[in-house]
Protein backbone atom coordinates (compact mmCIF):
# COMPACT_ATOMS: atom_id res chain seq x y z
CA UNK A 1 14.02 16.12 16.22
CA UNK A 2 11.39 16.69 19.07
CA UNK A 3 12.20 14.09 22.09
CA UNK A 4 9.29 14.53 23.89
CA UNK A 5 6.95 13.61 20.63
CA UNK A 6 9.33 10.10 20.42
CA UNK A 7 8.79 9.50 23.77
CA UNK A 8 5.21 9.31 22.77
CA UNK A 9 5.93 7.55 20.06
CA UNK A 10 7.41 4.94 22.09
CA UNK A 11 4.54 5.14 25.19
CA UNK A 12 2.26 4.04 22.38
CA UNK A 13 4.23 1.96 20.92
CA UNK A 14 4.84 -0.16 24.04
CA UNK A 15 1.27 -0.32 24.71
CA UNK A 16 1.14 -2.70 21.62
CA UNK A 17 4.15 -4.57 22.67
CA UNK A 18 4.70 -4.27 26.29
CA UNK A 19 7.74 -6.29 26.54
CA UNK A 20 9.66 -4.53 23.92
CA UNK A 21 13.13 -3.42 25.15
CA UNK A 22 14.81 -2.27 21.91
CA UNK A 23 15.00 -3.67 18.35
CA UNK A 24 17.70 -5.81 19.53
CA UNK A 25 15.65 -7.39 22.06
CA UNK A 26 12.28 -6.62 20.80
CA UNK A 27 10.32 -9.06 22.65
CA UNK A 28 8.11 -12.46 21.81
CA UNK A 29 6.04 -10.26 19.30
CA UNK A 30 7.36 -7.44 17.58
CA UNK A 31 9.43 -9.32 14.69
CA UNK A 32 6.60 -11.97 14.23
CA UNK A 33 4.38 -9.55 13.66
CA UNK A 34 5.82 -6.75 12.02
CA UNK A 35 9.23 -7.64 10.92
CA UNK A 36 9.60 -10.98 9.67
CA UNK A 37 7.11 -10.47 6.50
CA UNK A 38 8.96 -7.70 5.09
CA UNK A 39 12.10 -9.22 5.27
CA UNK A 40 10.11 -12.40 3.41
CA UNK A 41 9.57 -9.55 0.91
CA UNK A 42 13.35 -8.57 0.44
CA UNK A 43 14.21 -12.17 0.02
CA UNK A 44 11.68 -12.73 -2.71
CA UNK A 45 13.02 -9.60 -4.50
CA UNK A 46 16.49 -10.81 -4.33
CA UNK A 47 15.58 -14.37 -5.54
CA UNK A 48 13.36 -13.41 -8.16
CA UNK A 49 13.77 -10.22 -9.85
CA UNK A 50 17.52 -8.77 -8.75
CA UNK A 51 19.95 -10.08 -11.09
CA UNK A 52 17.58 -9.57 -14.10
CA UNK A 53 17.31 -6.08 -12.92
CA UNK A 54 21.15 -5.99 -12.52
CA UNK A 55 22.23 -7.71 -15.88
CA UNK A 56 19.65 -5.96 -17.76
CA UNK A 57 18.93 -6.86 -21.28
CA UNK A 58 17.46 -5.00 -24.03
CA UNK A 59 15.62 -7.96 -25.83
CA UNK A 60 11.48 -6.76 -25.48
CA UNK A 61 10.65 -10.18 -24.62
CA UNK A 62 13.24 -10.31 -21.46
CA UNK A 63 11.77 -6.93 -20.50
CA UNK A 64 8.02 -7.98 -20.51
CA UNK A 65 8.94 -11.05 -18.77
CA UNK A 66 10.94 -9.22 -15.86
CA UNK A 67 7.78 -6.76 -16.02
CA UNK A 68 5.56 -9.55 -14.97
CA UNK A 69 7.92 -10.77 -12.09
CA UNK A 70 8.01 -7.26 -10.76
CA UNK A 71 4.41 -7.00 -10.55
CA UNK A 72 4.20 -10.48 -9.25
CA UNK A 73 5.74 -9.10 -6.30
CA UNK A 74 2.68 -7.23 -4.73
CA UNK A 75 0.76 -10.34 -5.20
CA UNK A 76 2.88 -13.34 -4.08
CA UNK A 77 1.65 -15.03 -0.91
CA UNK A 78 3.86 -14.91 1.68
CA UNK A 79 4.44 -17.69 4.75
CA UNK A 80 4.71 -14.58 6.99
CA UNK A 81 1.22 -13.52 6.14
CA UNK A 82 -0.47 -16.50 6.74
CA UNK A 83 -0.26 -17.75 2.91
CA UNK A 84 -1.49 -14.56 1.75
CA UNK A 85 -0.28 -11.32 -0.20
CA UNK A 86 2.07 -8.41 1.19
CA UNK A 87 -0.59 -5.53 3.04
CA UNK A 88 1.67 -3.21 2.63
CA UNK A 89 0.66 -1.42 -1.04
CA UNK A 90 -3.22 -2.14 -1.35
CA UNK A 91 -4.72 -3.75 -4.53
CA UNK A 92 -6.09 -0.08 -5.72
CA UNK A 93 -2.42 1.19 -6.11
CA UNK A 94 -0.79 -2.40 -7.33
CA UNK A 95 -3.43 -3.71 -9.20
CA UNK A 96 -2.91 -0.81 -12.41
CA UNK A 97 0.54 -2.56 -12.45
CA UNK A 98 -0.48 -5.39 -14.51
CA UNK A 99 1.06 -4.56 -18.07
CA UNK A 100 0.67 -5.93 -21.34
CA UNK A 101 3.52 -6.13 -23.75
CA UNK A 102 5.08 -3.03 -24.75
CA UNK A 103 4.27 -1.17 -21.28
CA UNK A 104 5.54 -4.26 -19.09
CA UNK A 105 8.73 -3.65 -20.87
CA UNK A 106 8.63 0.35 -20.09
CA UNK A 107 7.73 -0.89 -16.75
CA UNK A 108 10.54 -2.90 -16.56
CA UNK A 109 13.12 -0.52 -17.60
CA UNK A 110 11.84 2.33 -15.40
CA UNK A 111 12.30 0.10 -11.98
CA UNK A 112 16.02 -0.94 -13.64
CA UNK A 113 16.74 2.64 -13.83
CA UNK A 114 15.47 3.55 -10.45
CA UNK A 115 17.54 1.04 -8.88
CA UNK A 116 20.65 0.68 -10.73
CA UNK A 117 20.54 4.12 -12.65
CA UNK A 118 23.32 6.58 -12.85
CA UNK A 119 22.26 9.41 -11.95
CA UNK A 120 21.44 10.87 -8.12
CA UNK A 121 18.11 9.25 -6.40
CA UNK A 122 15.97 12.52 -6.91
CA UNK A 123 16.57 12.27 -10.57
CA UNK A 124 15.82 8.68 -10.43
CA UNK A 125 12.88 8.99 -8.78
CA UNK A 126 11.58 11.67 -10.65
CA UNK A 127 12.26 9.88 -13.92
CA UNK A 128 10.27 6.97 -12.63
CA UNK A 129 7.49 8.49 -11.47
CA UNK A 130 7.20 10.60 -14.96
CA UNK A 131 7.39 7.28 -16.86
CA UNK A 132 5.24 5.59 -14.83
CA UNK A 133 1.85 8.07 -14.94
CA UNK A 134 1.24 7.29 -18.55
CA UNK A 135 1.23 3.97 -18.51
CA UNK A 136 -0.46 3.48 -14.87
CA UNK A 137 -3.20 5.90 -15.73
CA UNK A 138 -4.50 3.35 -18.40
CA UNK A 139 -5.39 1.39 -15.92
CA UNK A 140 -6.47 3.22 -13.31
CA UNK A 141 -8.99 4.97 -15.86
CA UNK A 142 -7.21 8.70 -15.99
CA UNK A 143 -7.98 8.61 -11.53
CA UNK A 144 -5.19 11.19 -11.65
CA UNK A 145 -5.47 11.57 -7.38
CA UNK A 146 -5.15 7.89 -7.38
CA UNK A 147 -2.04 7.95 -9.22
CA UNK A 148 -0.70 10.14 -6.51
CA UNK A 149 -0.96 7.99 -3.86
CA UNK A 150 -0.05 5.26 -6.11
CA UNK A 151 3.30 6.64 -6.70
CA UNK A 152 4.41 7.05 -3.22
CA UNK A 153 3.71 3.52 -2.43
CA UNK A 154 5.06 1.54 -5.35
CA UNK A 155 8.41 3.98 -5.60
CA UNK A 156 9.08 3.41 -2.12
CA UNK A 157 7.78 -0.32 -2.24
CA UNK A 158 10.67 -0.64 -4.64
CA UNK A 159 13.32 1.19 -3.20
CA UNK A 160 12.93 -1.01 0.08
CA UNK A 161 12.64 -4.16 -1.65
CA UNK A 162 16.29 -2.83 -2.46
CA UNK A 163 17.54 -1.71 0.11
CA UNK A 164 16.47 -1.73 3.23
CA UNK A 165 19.28 -0.43 4.89
CA UNK A 166 18.34 2.84 3.23
CA UNK A 167 14.57 3.31 2.01
CA UNK A 168 11.48 1.83 3.84
CA UNK A 169 7.94 2.05 2.37
CA UNK A 170 6.07 5.66 2.67
CA UNK A 171 2.58 5.19 4.52
CA UNK A 172 1.06 8.36 3.74
CA UNK A 173 -1.71 9.29 6.43
CA UNK A 174 0.83 8.21 9.62
CA UNK A 175 3.98 9.90 7.77
CA UNK A 176 2.07 12.86 7.52
CA UNK A 177 0.95 12.99 11.02
CA UNK A 178 4.11 12.28 12.38
CA UNK A 179 5.80 15.50 9.83
CA UNK A 180 3.02 17.57 11.42
CA UNK A 181 3.35 16.20 15.28
CA UNK A 182 7.46 16.65 14.67
CA UNK A 183 7.05 20.42 13.33
CA UNK A 184 7.59 19.79 9.79
CA UNK A 185 5.22 19.92 6.41
CA UNK A 186 3.20 17.39 5.42
CA UNK A 187 3.65 15.57 2.02
CA UNK A 188 1.82 17.44 -0.99
CA UNK A 189 -1.29 15.49 -2.44
CA UNK A 190 1.16 15.63 -5.85
CA UNK A 191 3.08 12.51 -7.47
CA UNK A 192 6.17 11.98 -5.70
CA UNK A 193 8.94 13.77 -6.53
CA UNK A 194 12.86 13.25 -5.60
CA UNK A 195 13.07 16.10 -3.50
CA UNK A 196 10.19 15.48 -1.15
CA UNK A 197 11.14 11.87 -0.87
CA UNK A 198 14.78 12.86 -0.18
CA UNK A 199 13.24 15.48 2.58
CA UNK A 200 11.10 12.14 3.94
CA UNK A 201 14.28 9.97 3.72
CA UNK A 202 16.31 12.80 5.98
CA UNK A 203 13.56 12.98 8.56
CA UNK A 204 13.29 9.31 8.92
CA UNK A 205 17.47 9.21 9.02
CA UNK A 206 17.38 12.07 12.07
CA UNK A 207 14.26 9.74 13.78
CA UNK A 208 16.58 6.62 13.09
CA UNK A 209 19.22 8.73 14.95
CA UNK A 210 17.00 10.06 18.00
CA UNK A 211 16.03 6.14 18.03
CA UNK A 212 19.72 5.13 18.49
CA UNK A 213 20.57 7.65 20.88
CA UNK A 214 17.56 6.49 23.17
CA UNK A 215 19.16 3.02 22.93
CA UNK A 216 16.23 1.22 21.10
CA UNK A 217 18.76 0.39 18.34
CA UNK A 218 17.10 0.38 15.09
CA UNK A 219 18.63 -2.26 12.71
CA UNK A 220 17.23 -0.60 9.23
CA UNK A 221 14.74 1.71 8.06
CA UNK A 222 12.25 -1.12 8.52
CA UNK A 223 12.04 -0.46 11.99
CA UNK A 224 12.05 3.10 11.60
CA UNK A 225 9.01 2.66 9.57
CA UNK A 226 7.56 0.16 12.16
CA UNK A 227 8.01 2.71 14.96
CA UNK A 228 5.61 5.05 13.11
CA UNK A 229 3.29 2.58 12.20
CA UNK A 230 2.64 1.08 15.31
CA UNK A 231 3.15 4.24 17.65
CA UNK A 232 0.83 6.71 15.53
CA UNK A 233 -1.84 5.95 17.89
CA UNK A 234 -4.53 5.96 15.26
CA UNK A 235 -4.51 3.10 13.07
CA UNK A 236 -2.49 0.39 14.50
CA UNK A 237 -4.88 -2.49 15.55
CA UNK A 238 -3.39 -5.94 15.19
CA UNK A 239 -4.74 -9.22 15.21
CA UNK A 240 -3.74 -13.01 15.25
CA UNK A 241 -3.25 -15.59 12.35
CA UNK A 242 -2.89 -18.87 12.70
CA UNK A 243 0.84 -19.11 12.95
CA UNK A 244 2.62 -21.42 9.87
CA UNK A 245 6.19 -21.79 9.03
CA UNK A 246 7.61 -18.30 8.09
CA UNK A 247 11.16 -17.13 6.79
CA UNK A 248 13.80 -19.17 8.69
CA UNK A 249 10.92 -21.46 10.21
CA UNK A 250 9.78 -18.42 12.33
CA UNK A 251 6.11 -17.74 13.06
CA UNK A 252 3.54 -15.80 10.97
CA UNK A 253 3.20 -12.19 11.39
CA UNK A 254 -0.27 -10.75 12.29
CA UNK A 255 -2.96 -9.19 9.41
CA UNK A 256 -5.81 -7.57 10.11
CA UNK A 257 -9.00 -9.44 8.71
CA UNK A 258 -12.56 -9.52 9.54
CA UNK A 259 -12.84 -12.67 12.29
CA UNK A 260 -15.95 -13.64 10.55
CA UNK A 261 -15.72 -12.58 7.08
CA UNK A 262 -17.17 -15.11 4.83
CA UNK A 263 -15.23 -16.93 2.32
CA UNK A 264 -15.10 -16.82 -1.34
CA UNK A 265 -16.47 -20.14 -1.64
CA UNK A 266 -19.23 -19.35 0.74
CA UNK A 267 -20.58 -16.26 -1.18
CA UNK A 268 -20.57 -18.18 -4.19
CA UNK A 269 -23.11 -20.53 -2.60
CA UNK A 270 -25.07 -17.77 -0.88
CA UNK A 271 -24.81 -15.52 -3.98
CA UNK A 272 -25.46 -12.19 -1.93
CA UNK A 273 -25.00 -9.60 -4.36
CA UNK A 274 -25.09 -6.02 -2.17
CA UNK A 275 -22.47 -6.02 0.55
CA UNK A 276 -20.62 -3.49 2.16
CA UNK A 277 -16.89 -4.12 3.12
CA UNK A 278 -15.44 -1.92 5.83
CA UNK A 279 -12.00 -2.06 7.54
CA UNK A 280 -8.59 -0.15 8.07
CA UNK A 281 -6.48 0.35 4.47
CA UNK A 282 -4.56 -2.44 3.25
CA UNK A 283 -6.93 -5.22 5.13
CA UNK A 284 -7.74 -6.67 1.24
CA UNK A 285 -11.39 -5.26 0.76
CA UNK A 286 -10.96 -4.60 -2.90
CA UNK A 287 -8.90 -7.25 -3.08
CA UNK A 288 -11.61 -9.77 -2.15
CA UNK A 289 -13.94 -8.01 -4.01
CA UNK A 290 -12.08 -8.46 -7.36
CA UNK A 291 -11.95 -11.88 -6.93
CA UNK A 292 -16.08 -11.97 -6.62
CA UNK A 293 -15.95 -9.63 -9.66
CA UNK A 294 -13.20 -11.97 -12.28
CA UNK A 295 -15.95 -14.45 -11.46
CA UNK A 296 -18.72 -12.61 -12.83
CA UNK A 297 -17.13 -10.50 -15.01
CA UNK A 298 -14.41 -12.43 -16.53
CA UNK A 299 -13.00 -16.26 -17.04
CA UNK A 300 -10.58 -17.46 -14.69
CA UNK A 301 -7.66 -16.65 -16.50
CA UNK A 302 -8.35 -13.33 -16.97
CA UNK A 303 -5.75 -10.60 -16.14
CA UNK A 304 -6.36 -7.56 -14.18
CA UNK A 305 -6.67 -5.54 -17.14
CA UNK A 306 -8.92 -7.58 -19.48
CA UNK A 307 -11.32 -7.55 -16.16
CA UNK A 308 -11.30 -4.10 -15.51
CA UNK A 309 -12.61 -3.45 -19.04
CA UNK A 310 -15.64 -4.96 -17.79
CA UNK A 311 -16.22 -3.19 -14.42
CA UNK A 312 -15.05 -0.19 -12.59
CA UNK A 313 -14.22 1.36 -9.30
CA UNK A 314 -14.95 4.84 -7.97
CA UNK A 315 -13.97 6.73 -4.78
CA UNK A 316 -15.97 9.31 -3.20
CA UNK A 317 -14.38 12.09 -1.01
CA UNK A 318 -15.12 11.97 2.46
CA UNK A 319 -17.70 15.21 2.23
CA UNK A 320 -19.12 13.91 -0.51
CA UNK A 321 -22.45 13.15 0.67
CA UNK A 322 -25.56 11.31 -0.45
CA UNK A 323 -27.52 14.15 -2.43
CA UNK A 324 -24.63 14.90 -4.43
CA UNK A 325 -24.24 11.08 -4.96
CA UNK A 326 -27.90 11.60 -6.62
CA UNK A 327 -26.75 14.60 -9.01
CA UNK A 328 -27.81 17.01 -6.39
CA UNK A 329 -31.64 15.87 -5.89
CA UNK A 330 -32.99 17.33 -3.10
CA UNK A 331 -36.87 17.16 -1.93
CA UNK A 332 -39.34 19.35 -2.28
CA UNK A 333 -42.61 19.46 -0.63
CA UNK A 334 -45.50 20.10 -2.54
CA UNK A 335 -48.49 21.24 -0.10
CA UNK A 336 -51.02 22.16 -2.93
CA UNK A 337 -52.33 18.63 -3.49
CA UNK A 338 -54.08 16.27 -1.16
CA UNK A 339 -51.46 13.63 -1.08
CA UNK A 340 -48.71 16.29 -0.03
CA UNK A 341 -46.27 13.92 -2.06
CA UNK A 342 -42.64 14.69 -2.17
CA UNK A 343 -41.03 15.42 -5.44
CA UNK A 344 -37.81 16.14 -6.25
CA UNK A 345 -35.60 19.19 -7.85
CA UNK A 346 -32.26 19.45 -9.14
CA UNK A 347 -30.18 22.03 -7.26
CA UNK A 348 -26.39 22.38 -7.59
């Protein structure tokens, strides 16, 4: 690994946590903002699904119930998040995991084999992603691009829940920048495969060894991921939230929010129908919007799959211009008439 690049990451990291000495002596803020809620997630996994996955039953009702528990990992409020769900996996990726009936049973079987299967990790990941794709695509409207990112986030999230010493969630943009800076190839824009995951895992293990040599003493892969996330220098913008009782009575972690953002109740009163939500990934934009849409397009007890049938989302590429959005319409000035009205024609 390139120690110069590692030092640059450390310098950026310490801009946000100036009293950080090492992960053993992280200072007053790091664990509160970046670690405790992740530990709370692993504890939630251990208490709610770990035993069922280990003592898996062939009964379909058992599997459907377990599938619902697994999906709930993404939405359960956490003390360390100010009584809000995790923000490691965005709604657009965990939303499609609200499976019904037999698909829920398949989901549970896939996770079981991913975590406890007898095959090598590379093969287990391939089987998981290939099995997840057909049932997840039903809920993302056959959007294969969305599934590519979903496969990386969800697979690595579940592996981290099961063993934080060996695995951690993949944050695609930050990890790709890190790979490039350390002279390695970024991840492909395809569904995650086992060999690529193993390559990322090897990269993280080498970085962990570098941090150990620098006497930074990472405790597990969560610390290594946090080092990349905070030290990236492009996306990390922490903000304070009110302290609440968290894991082991620790203060709450930070979450990026718009400080003056209206609540759902506020929006219900004012009924503003045209809104623009903006902000970094993972801050709840889509999540909050879906809450509003459920009120207008579904009953209070509708699940995500039912509601999705009455509204849908579309994602535009960054280079997609306004003119392309309106089907290639281009203005055409006609000077022959007295008014000089603008007309429009369709151009490819």
